[in-house]
C-alpha atoms as a PDB file:
ATOM      1  CA  MET A   1      66.021 152.657 197.079  1.00  0.00           C
ATOM      2  CA  GLN A   2      66.501 149.333 195.530  1.00  0.00           C
ATOM      3  CA  THR A   3      69.588 147.267 195.624  1.00  0.00           C
ATOM      4  CA  LYS A   4      71.031 145.702 192.434  1.00  0.00           C
ATOM      5  CA  ASP A   5      69.464 142.303 193.560  1.00  0.00           C
ATOM      6  CA  GLU A   6      65.991 143.792 193.992  1.00  0.00           C
ATOM      7  CA  THR A   7      65.927 145.377 190.455  1.00  0.00           C
ATOM      8  CA  ASN A   8      67.372 142.327 188.724  1.00  0.00           C
ATOM      9  CA  ARG A   9      65.243 139.706 190.387  1.00  0.00           C
ATOM     10  CA  PHE A  10      62.664 139.505 187.482  1.00  0.00           C
ATOM     11  CA  PRO A  11      63.117 138.888 183.791  1.00  0.00           C
ATOM     12  CA  ASN A  12      63.435 142.113 181.696  1.00  0.00           C
ATOM     13  CA  SER A  13      64.183 144.083 184.889  1.00  0.00           C
ATOM     14  CA  ILE A  14      60.604 144.260 185.886  1.00  0.00           C
ATOM     15  CA  LEU A  15      60.180 145.903 189.228  1.00  0.00           C
ATOM     16  CA  LEU A  16      57.280 144.684 191.356  1.00  0.00           C
ATOM     17  CA  ILE A  17      56.516 146.569 194.598  1.00  0.00           C
ATOM     18  CA  LEU A  18      54.146 145.566 197.294  1.00  0.00           C
ATOM     19  CA  LEU A  19      53.950 147.875 200.371  1.00  0.00           C
ATOM     20  CA  ARG A  20      53.710 144.948 202.666  1.00  0.00           C
ATOM     21  CA  ARG A  21      55.016 141.393 202.679  1.00  0.00           C
ATOM     22  CA  LEU A  22      55.978 139.690 199.382  1.00  0.00           C
ATOM     23  CA  LEU A  23      53.134 137.320 198.908  1.00  0.00           C
ATOM     24  CA  TRP A  24      52.885 136.624 195.134  1.00  0.00           C
ATOM     25  CA  GLU A  25      54.774 134.999 192.303  1.00  0.00           C
ATOM     26  CA  ILE A  26      55.517 136.265 188.872  1.00  0.00           C
ATOM     27  CA  GLU A  27      55.949 134.147 185.822  1.00  0.00           C
ATOM     28  CA  LYS A  28      56.459 134.708 182.108  1.00  0.00           C
ATOM     29  CA  ALA A  29      53.224 133.858 180.303  1.00  0.00           C
ATOM     30  CA  LYS A  30      52.416 133.096 176.594  1.00  0.00           C
ATOM     31  CA  SER A  31      51.575 136.428 175.016  1.00  0.00           C
ATOM     32  CA  ALA A  32      48.345 136.804 172.904  1.00  0.00           C
ATOM     33  CA  PHE A  33      50.320 139.166 170.509  1.00  0.00           C
ATOM     34  CA  SER A  34      53.665 138.175 168.697  1.00  0.00           C
ATOM     35  CA  GLY A  35      56.611 140.194 169.805  1.00  0.00           C
ATOM     36  CA  ALA A  36      54.932 141.355 173.140  1.00  0.00           C
ATOM     37  CA  SER A  37      55.723 140.114 176.428  1.00  0.00           C
ATOM     38  CA  SER A  38      53.129 138.856 179.022  1.00  0.00           C
ATOM     39  CA  TYR A  39      53.381 137.913 182.603  1.00  0.00           C
ATOM     40  CA  SER A  40      51.065 136.351 185.144  1.00  0.00           C
ATOM     41  CA  ILE A  41      51.021 137.357 188.736  1.00  0.00           C
ATOM     42  CA  THR A  42      49.743 134.962 191.375  1.00  0.00           C
ATOM     43  CA  PHE A  43      48.919 136.047 194.826  1.00  0.00           C
ATOM     44  CA  GLU A  44      48.866 133.928 197.942  1.00  0.00           C
ATOM     45  CA  THR A  45      45.403 133.345 199.098  1.00  0.00           C
ATOM     46  CA  PRO A  46      45.025 134.944 202.548  1.00  0.00           C
ATOM     47  CA  GLU A  47      42.928 133.750 205.486  1.00  0.00           C
ATOM     48  CA  PRO A  48      39.354 135.153 205.427  1.00  0.00           C
ATOM     49  CA  ILE A  49      39.068 138.355 207.459  1.00  0.00           C
ATOM     50  CA  ILE A  50      35.285 138.669 207.069  1.00  0.00           C
ATOM     51  CA  ASN A  51      32.844 136.302 208.933  1.00  0.00           C
ATOM     52  CA  ILE A  52      29.239 136.273 207.858  1.00  0.00           C
ATOM     53  CA  LYS A  53      26.485 134.767 210.023  1.00  0.00           C
ATOM     54  CA  LYS A  54      22.777 134.277 209.190  1.00  0.00           C
ATOM     55  CA  VAL A  55      20.612 135.660 212.054  1.00  0.00           C
ATOM     56  CA  ASN A  56      17.244 135.101 210.435  1.00  0.00           C
ATOM     57  CA  ASP A  57      15.648 135.087 206.938  1.00  0.00           C
ATOM     58  CA  ARG A  58      16.186 138.834 206.438  1.00  0.00           C
ATOM     59  CA  LYS A  59      19.104 139.525 208.807  1.00  0.00           C
ATOM     60  CA  TYR A  60      22.916 138.697 208.593  1.00  0.00           C
ATOM     61  CA  ALA A  61      25.733 139.767 210.971  1.00  0.00           C
ATOM     62  CA  VAL A  62      29.153 140.611 209.426  1.00  0.00           C
ATOM     63  CA  THR A  63      32.314 140.700 211.595  1.00  0.00           C
ATOM     64  CA  THR A  64      35.939 141.034 210.845  1.00  0.00           C
ATOM     65  CA  THR A  65      38.943 139.177 212.151  1.00  0.00           C
ATOM     66  CA  GLY A  66      41.732 141.667 211.384  1.00  0.00           C
ATOM     67  CA  ASP A  67      43.174 144.040 208.976  1.00  0.00           C
ATOM     68  CA  LEU A  68      43.561 143.643 205.173  1.00  0.00           C
ATOM     69  CA  GLY A  69      47.073 142.361 205.404  1.00  0.00           C
ATOM     70  CA  ASN A  70      48.364 142.094 201.754  1.00  0.00           C
ATOM     71  CA  LEU A  71      44.857 142.774 200.298  1.00  0.00           C
ATOM     72  CA  ASN A  72      43.778 146.143 198.852  1.00  0.00           C
ATOM     73  CA  ASP A  73      40.123 145.504 199.842  1.00  0.00           C
ATOM     74  CA  VAL A  74      37.560 142.742 200.544  1.00  0.00           C
ATOM     75  CA  PHE A  75      34.179 143.055 198.794  1.00  0.00           C
ATOM     76  CA  LEU A  76      30.972 141.530 199.965  1.00  0.00           C
ATOM     77  CA  GLU A  77      29.066 140.214 196.871  1.00  0.00           C
ATOM     78  CA  ILE A  78      25.441 140.047 197.930  1.00  0.00           C
ATOM     79  CA  ASP A  79      23.060 138.193 195.514  1.00  0.00           C
ATOM     80  CA  TYR A  80      19.511 138.879 196.533  1.00  0.00           C
ATOM     81  CA  VAL A  81      16.043 139.572 195.278  1.00  0.00           C
ATOM     82  CA  GLY A  82      14.126 142.061 197.338  1.00  0.00           C
ATOM     83  CA  ASP A  83      13.203 145.737 197.535  1.00  0.00           C
ATOM     84  CA  ARG A  84      16.376 146.909 199.426  1.00  0.00           C
ATOM     85  CA  GLY A  85      19.319 145.976 201.643  1.00  0.00           C
ATOM     86  CA  MET A  86      20.575 148.130 204.457  1.00  0.00           C
ATOM     87  CA  ALA A  87      23.895 147.951 206.345  1.00  0.00           C
ATOM     88  CA  PHE A  88      24.268 149.256 209.980  1.00  0.00           C
ATOM     89  CA  ILE A  89      27.177 149.609 212.358  1.00  0.00           C
ATOM     90  CA  ASP A  90      26.211 150.629 215.960  1.00  0.00           C
ATOM     91  CA  SER A  91      22.607 151.034 214.877  1.00  0.00           C
ATOM     92  CA  LEU A  92      23.732 153.761 212.165  1.00  0.00           C
ATOM     93  CA  LEU A  93      22.901 153.231 208.514  1.00  0.00           C
ATOM     94  CA  VAL A  94      26.319 153.196 206.817  1.00  0.00           C
ATOM     95  CA  THR A  95      25.127 152.140 203.257  1.00  0.00           C
ATOM     96  CA  ASP A  96      22.196 150.717 201.403  1.00  0.00           C
ATOM     97  CA  HIS A  97      21.260 149.226 198.144  1.00  0.00           C
ATOM     98  CA  PHE A  98      18.049 149.275 196.150  1.00  0.00           C
ATOM     99  CA  TYR A  99      17.562 146.047 194.142  1.00  0.00           C
ATOM    100  CA  HIS A 100      17.980 146.439 190.401  1.00  0.00           C
ATOM    101  CA  GLU A 101      18.603 142.814 189.297  1.00  0.00           C
ATOM    102  CA  LYS A 102      22.350 143.222 190.027  1.00  0.00           C
ATOM    103  CA  THR A 103      24.450 142.004 192.941  1.00  0.00           C
ATOM    104  CA  TRP A 104      25.171 144.503 195.781  1.00  0.00           C
ATOM    105  CA  ASP A 105      28.915 144.788 195.854  1.00  0.00           C
ATOM    106  CA  MET A 106      30.176 146.489 199.054  1.00  0.00           C
ATOM    107  CA  GLY A 107      33.900 147.226 199.579  1.00  0.00           C
ATOM    108  CA  MET A 108      34.653 146.612 203.256  1.00  0.00           C
ATOM    109  CA  LYS A 109      38.030 148.543 203.489  1.00  0.00           C
ATOM    110  CA  SER A 110      36.351 151.832 204.621  1.00  0.00           C
ATOM    111  CA  TYR A 111      34.359 149.995 207.301  1.00  0.00           C
ATOM    112  CA  LEU A 112      37.136 147.875 209.070  1.00  0.00           C
ATOM    113  CA  LYS A 113      38.185 150.579 211.585  1.00  0.00           C
ATOM    114  CA  ASP A 114      34.531 150.966 212.649  1.00  0.00           C
ATOM    115  CA  LEU A 115      33.998 147.241 212.857  1.00  0.00           C
ATOM    116  CA  GLU A 116      36.755 146.594 215.383  1.00  0.00           C
ATOM    117  CA  GLY A 117      34.935 144.605 218.095  1.00  0.00           C
ATOM    118  CA  LYS A 118      31.539 145.312 216.492  1.00  0.00           C
ATOM    119  CA  GLU A 119      29.342 143.846 213.809  1.00  0.00           C
ATOM    120  CA  MET A 120      27.782 145.132 210.706  1.00  0.00           C
ATOM    121  CA  VAL A 121      24.082 144.126 210.421  1.00  0.00           C
ATOM    122  CA  LEU A 122      22.512 143.593 207.150  1.00  0.00           C
ATOM    123  CA  ILE A 123      18.811 143.871 206.923  1.00  0.00           C
ATOM    124  CA  PHE A 124      16.829 143.080 203.700  1.00  0.00           C
ATOM    125  CA  HIS A 125      13.319 144.165 202.811  1.00  0.00           C
ATOM    126  CA  PRO A 126      10.922 142.158 200.558  1.00  0.00           C
ATOM    127  CA  LEU A 127       9.544 143.271 197.291  1.00  0.00           C
ATOM    128  CA  PHE A 128       5.761 143.772 197.123  1.00  0.00           C
ATOM    129  CA  ASP A 129       3.677 142.895 194.053  1.00  0.00           C
ATOM    130  CA  ASN A 130       2.237 146.318 193.879  1.00  0.00           C
ATOM    131  CA  GLN A 131       5.488 148.334 193.683  1.00  0.00           C
ATOM    132  CA  GLU A 132       5.811 150.548 190.703  1.00  0.00           C
ATOM    133  CA  CYS A 133       9.529 149.739 190.182  1.00  0.00           C
ATOM    134  CA  LEU A 134       8.565 146.244 189.072  1.00  0.00           C
ATOM    135  CA  ILE A 135       7.849 147.580 185.514  1.00  0.00           C
ATOM    136  CA  ASP A 136      11.580 148.035 185.039  1.00  0.00           C
ATOM    137  CA  PHE A 137      12.410 144.498 186.003  1.00  0.00           C
ATOM    138  CA  SER A 138      13.130 141.776 183.258  1.00  0.00           C
ATOM    139  CA  ASN A 139      12.593 138.799 185.625  1.00  0.00           C
ATOM    140  CA  LEU A 140       9.767 139.037 188.028  1.00  0.00           C
ATOM    141  CA  PRO A 141       9.802 136.584 190.926  1.00  0.00           C
ATOM    142  CA  GLU A 142       6.809 134.531 191.932  1.00  0.00           C
ATOM    143  CA  PHE A 143       5.281 136.418 194.759  1.00  0.00           C
ATOM    144  CA  GLU A 144       3.885 134.664 197.734  1.00  0.00           C
ATOM    145  CA  LYS A 145       1.138 136.494 199.642  1.00  0.00           C
ATOM    146  CA  GLY A 146       2.071 139.598 197.803  1.00  0.00           C
ATOM    147  CA  ARG A 147       5.766 139.747 198.666  1.00  0.00           C
ATOM    148  CA  TYR A 148       9.070 138.264 197.796  1.00  0.00           C
ATOM    149  CA  LEU A 149      12.521 138.099 199.435  1.00  0.00           C
ATOM    150  CA  GLU A 150      15.336 135.766 198.581  1.00  0.00           C
ATOM    151  CA  ILE A 151      19.069 136.044 199.816  1.00  0.00           C
ATOM    152  CA  LYS A 152      20.756 133.741 197.316  1.00  0.00           C
ATOM    153  CA  SER A 153      24.300 134.175 198.682  1.00  0.00           C
ATOM    154  CA  ILE A 154      26.634 136.396 200.478  1.00  0.00           C
ATOM    155  CA  LYS A 155      30.293 135.886 199.532  1.00  0.00           C
ATOM    156  CA  THR A 156      33.646 137.652 199.884  1.00  0.00           C
ATOM    157  CA  CYS A 157      35.889 138.660 196.969  1.00  0.00           C
ATOM    158  CA  ASN A 158      39.501 139.688 197.627  1.00  0.00           C
ATOM    159  CA  ALA A 159      40.917 142.648 195.784  1.00  0.00           C
ATOM    160  CA  TYR A 160      44.623 142.641 195.220  1.00  0.00           C
ATOM    161  CA  LYS A 161      46.960 145.463 194.328  1.00  0.00           C
ATOM    162  CA  THR A 162      50.462 145.675 193.062  1.00  0.00           C
ATOM    163  CA  VAL A 163      52.565 148.172 191.090  1.00  0.00           C
ATOM    164  CA  ILE A 164      54.597 147.050 187.929  1.00  0.00           C
ATOM    165  CA  GLY A 165      57.128 149.284 186.489  1.00  0.00           C
ATOM    166  CA  PHE A 166      59.098 149.037 183.406  1.00  0.00           C
END
C-alpha cells in the first residue's frame, strides 16, 4: 500500500515501482506527438557483475561477482565468426550457438546461481572451408589453411525493468 507521498511524487500521478532499491530518475521529456505526454527514465549504472577473461584464442572464462541487484538480467553479447560456440559450467554443456552471421546473445540471469564460486567456460570452434552451411552466408571470411575463427568481442549489456502505472 502506498502512502499519499509515494503516489504524488511524480507528475500526473505516475506510479513507478521497483522491487528493489530506487536507482532511477524520471523526467518529463518532449513528446513526439502533440497532446501526448512522454517521460524519460534513467537508471543508475551498476557495477559490473560479470568478469570475462581470455584463456586462449578459442577459450574464455566467465565469472560473476554477485547478484543482479537492480538489474533484470545481464546479457553477454558475443560477436564472433566461427562454426559454433559452447558454454559449460562444471564441464556440463549449458547452452550453445551455431554461427549464422548474428551475435550470440546469452542471458546470464538463469546461470547466476550455478556460477556461484565457479566459472562458465566458453569454447569456440572454427569454420572450415568445406562446410555445407557456407552457402547460406552472405559474407565469407578469408580462410587460412582451410579454417577460420575470430572472436571479435564479448561484452555485457544490462537489462533493466520497471513498472509504470497510470
